[in-house]
Amino acid sequence: MVKTKLKSQKGFTLIEIIAVLVILGILAAVAVPKYMDLQKSAADKALDGGASAGMSAVTMQYSRVALSNSAAPTPSALVPKLNLDANKPASDDFSYSFATSGSTGVTVYTIWKDTTRAGNSTQRTKTVTLQ
């Protein structure tokens, strides 16, 4: 009879593996909701950026018309020019519409085209006051 010496086996115990899985589960339970909130917040900020781009389109069109006519345009004269395709957003994610707001303002409505990508809201409204 030959005696063989067993080497000590190395590895993880079942309790250690379960402990690691429990810790990973807790981390995932905390991280996933935060990630979802982060996505919604990013979508809202993108919508704000789109609204700001719409306001920029208003001021650019106002300047063009003012320089070409040597007089400041009224909002009622400016809005039809803004609603043309020439002022569509650079991004395909949003659409704009423009409306008069009183006698000195233009309201910019920025709307997500795909509402499933929207965050906490699907539309932003900002008003530009013309002087």
Protein backbone atom coordinates (compact mmCIF):
# COMPACT_ATOMS: atom_id res chain seq x y z
CA MET A 1 0.00 0.00 0.00
CA VAL A 2 1.21 3.38 -1.00
CA LYS A 3 0.24 6.30 1.14
CA THR A 4 -0.53 9.49 -0.75
CA LYS A 5 -0.58 12.82 0.90
CA LEU A 6 -3.60 14.96 0.06
CA LYS A 7 -2.76 18.52 -0.74
CA SER A 8 -4.90 21.15 0.88
CA GLN A 9 -7.59 22.28 -1.53
CA LYS A 10 -8.04 25.98 -2.16
CA GLY A 11 -11.24 27.74 -3.18
CA PHE A 12 -14.26 29.60 -1.92
CA THR A 13 -16.76 28.23 0.50
CA LEU A 14 -20.45 28.34 -0.22
CA ILE A 15 -20.96 30.96 2.50
CA GLU A 16 -18.37 33.27 0.93
CA ILE A 17 -20.02 33.00 -2.49
CA ILE A 18 -23.47 33.70 -1.03
CA ALA A 19 -22.09 36.73 0.87
CA VAL A 20 -20.63 38.17 -2.33
CA LEU A 21 -23.92 37.62 -4.20
CA VAL A 22 -25.89 39.34 -1.45
CA ILE A 23 -23.55 42.35 -1.52
CA LEU A 24 -23.81 42.55 -5.33
CA GLY A 25 -27.60 42.34 -5.10
CA ILE A 26 -27.72 45.22 -2.62
CA LEU A 27 -25.45 47.34 -4.81
CA ALA A 28 -27.59 46.63 -7.86
CA ALA A 29 -30.79 47.49 -5.97
CA VAL A 30 -29.32 50.87 -5.04
CA ALA A 31 -27.60 51.64 -8.36
CA VAL A 32 -30.42 50.87 -10.83
CA PRO A 33 -32.92 53.48 -9.53
CA LYS A 34 -30.18 56.12 -9.41
CA TYR A 35 -29.27 55.29 -13.01
CA MET A 36 -32.90 55.63 -14.10
CA ASP A 37 -33.15 59.04 -12.38
CA LEU A 38 -29.93 60.07 -14.08
CA GLN A 39 -31.37 59.15 -17.49
CA LYS A 40 -34.52 61.20 -16.86
CA SER A 41 -32.48 64.14 -15.66
CA ALA A 42 -30.31 63.98 -18.78
CA ALA A 43 -33.41 63.90 -21.00
CA ASP A 44 -34.81 66.97 -19.22
CA LYS A 45 -31.52 68.81 -19.68
CA ALA A 46 -31.51 67.88 -23.38
CA LEU A 47 -35.02 69.34 -23.66
CA ASP A 48 -33.82 72.53 -21.95
CA GLY A 49 -30.98 72.70 -24.46
CA GLY A 50 -33.46 72.29 -27.31
CA ALA A 51 -35.60 75.10 -25.91
CA SER A 52 -32.55 77.33 -25.69
CA ALA A 53 -31.71 76.53 -29.31
CA GLY A 54 -35.27 77.55 -30.22
CA MET A 55 -34.78 80.84 -28.39
CA SER A 56 -31.57 81.32 -30.34
CA ALA A 57 -33.48 80.78 -33.59
CA VAL A 58 -35.91 83.52 -32.53
CA THR A 59 -33.16 86.03 -31.84
CA MET A 60 -31.32 85.18 -35.06
CA GLN A 61 -34.46 85.58 -37.17
CA TYR A 62 -35.29 88.82 -35.35
CA SER A 63 -31.81 90.17 -36.16
CA ARG A 64 -32.05 89.11 -39.83
CA VAL A 65 -35.39 90.80 -40.32
CA ALA A 66 -34.34 93.91 -38.38
CA LEU A 67 -31.18 94.30 -40.45
CA SER A 68 -32.87 93.70 -43.80
CA ASN A 69 -35.85 96.00 -43.12
CA SER A 70 -34.00 98.62 -41.06
CA ALA A 71 -36.73 98.30 -38.46
CA ALA A 72 -37.54 95.94 -35.60
CA PRO A 73 -40.15 93.34 -36.54
CA THR A 74 -43.23 92.67 -34.46
CA PRO A 75 -43.78 89.19 -33.02
CA SER A 76 -46.80 88.70 -35.29
CA ALA A 77 -44.58 89.35 -38.33
CA LEU A 78 -41.76 87.19 -37.00
CA VAL A 79 -43.64 84.01 -35.99
CA PRO A 80 -44.71 82.94 -39.52
CA LYS A 81 -41.09 83.14 -40.65
CA LEU A 82 -39.99 81.09 -37.62
CA ASN A 83 -42.46 78.27 -38.26
CA LEU A 84 -40.85 77.50 -41.61
CA ASP A 85 -38.65 74.42 -42.05
CA ALA A 86 -35.56 76.62 -42.14
CA ASN A 87 -35.75 76.93 -38.34
CA LYS A 88 -36.12 73.25 -37.54
CA PRO A 89 -33.89 71.92 -34.75
CA ALA A 90 -30.45 70.58 -35.54
CA SER A 91 -31.40 67.42 -33.65
CA ASP A 92 -34.07 65.04 -34.90
CA ASP A 93 -35.15 64.44 -31.30
CA PHE A 94 -37.17 67.65 -30.93
CA SER A 95 -39.68 69.74 -32.81
CA TYR A 96 -40.31 73.45 -32.38
CA SER A 97 -43.33 75.61 -32.73
CA PHE A 98 -43.44 79.34 -32.21
CA ALA A 99 -46.33 81.57 -31.15
CA THR A 100 -46.77 85.23 -30.30
CA SER A 101 -46.87 86.12 -26.63
CA GLY A 102 -48.50 89.49 -26.18
CA SER A 103 -47.23 92.41 -28.21
CA THR A 104 -43.52 91.96 -27.47
CA GLY A 105 -42.86 88.25 -27.01
CA VAL A 106 -42.43 85.01 -28.88
CA THR A 107 -43.05 81.71 -27.11
CA VAL A 108 -40.97 78.70 -28.09
CA TYR A 109 -42.54 75.26 -27.62
CA THR A 110 -39.97 72.46 -27.71
CA ILE A 111 -41.43 68.95 -27.83
CA TRP A 112 -39.83 65.49 -27.82
CA LYS A 113 -40.69 63.66 -31.04
CA ASP A 114 -40.29 60.27 -29.37
CA THR A 115 -41.98 60.59 -25.98
CA THR A 116 -40.56 57.27 -24.80
CA ARG A 117 -37.15 58.95 -24.66
CA ALA A 118 -38.46 61.90 -22.65
CA GLY A 119 -37.57 62.43 -19.04
CA ASN A 120 -39.95 63.88 -16.48
CA SER A 121 -41.63 66.08 -19.09
CA THR A 122 -42.21 65.89 -22.83
CA GLN A 123 -42.26 69.62 -23.60
CA ARG A 124 -40.61 72.89 -22.60
CA THR A 125 -41.97 76.39 -23.10
CA LYS A 126 -39.78 79.48 -23.06
CA THR A 127 -40.67 83.04 -23.99
CA VAL A 128 -38.35 85.54 -25.64
CA THR A 129 -39.16 89.22 -25.13
CA LEU A 130 -38.30 91.35 -28.14
CA GLN A 131 -37.25 94.95 -27.60
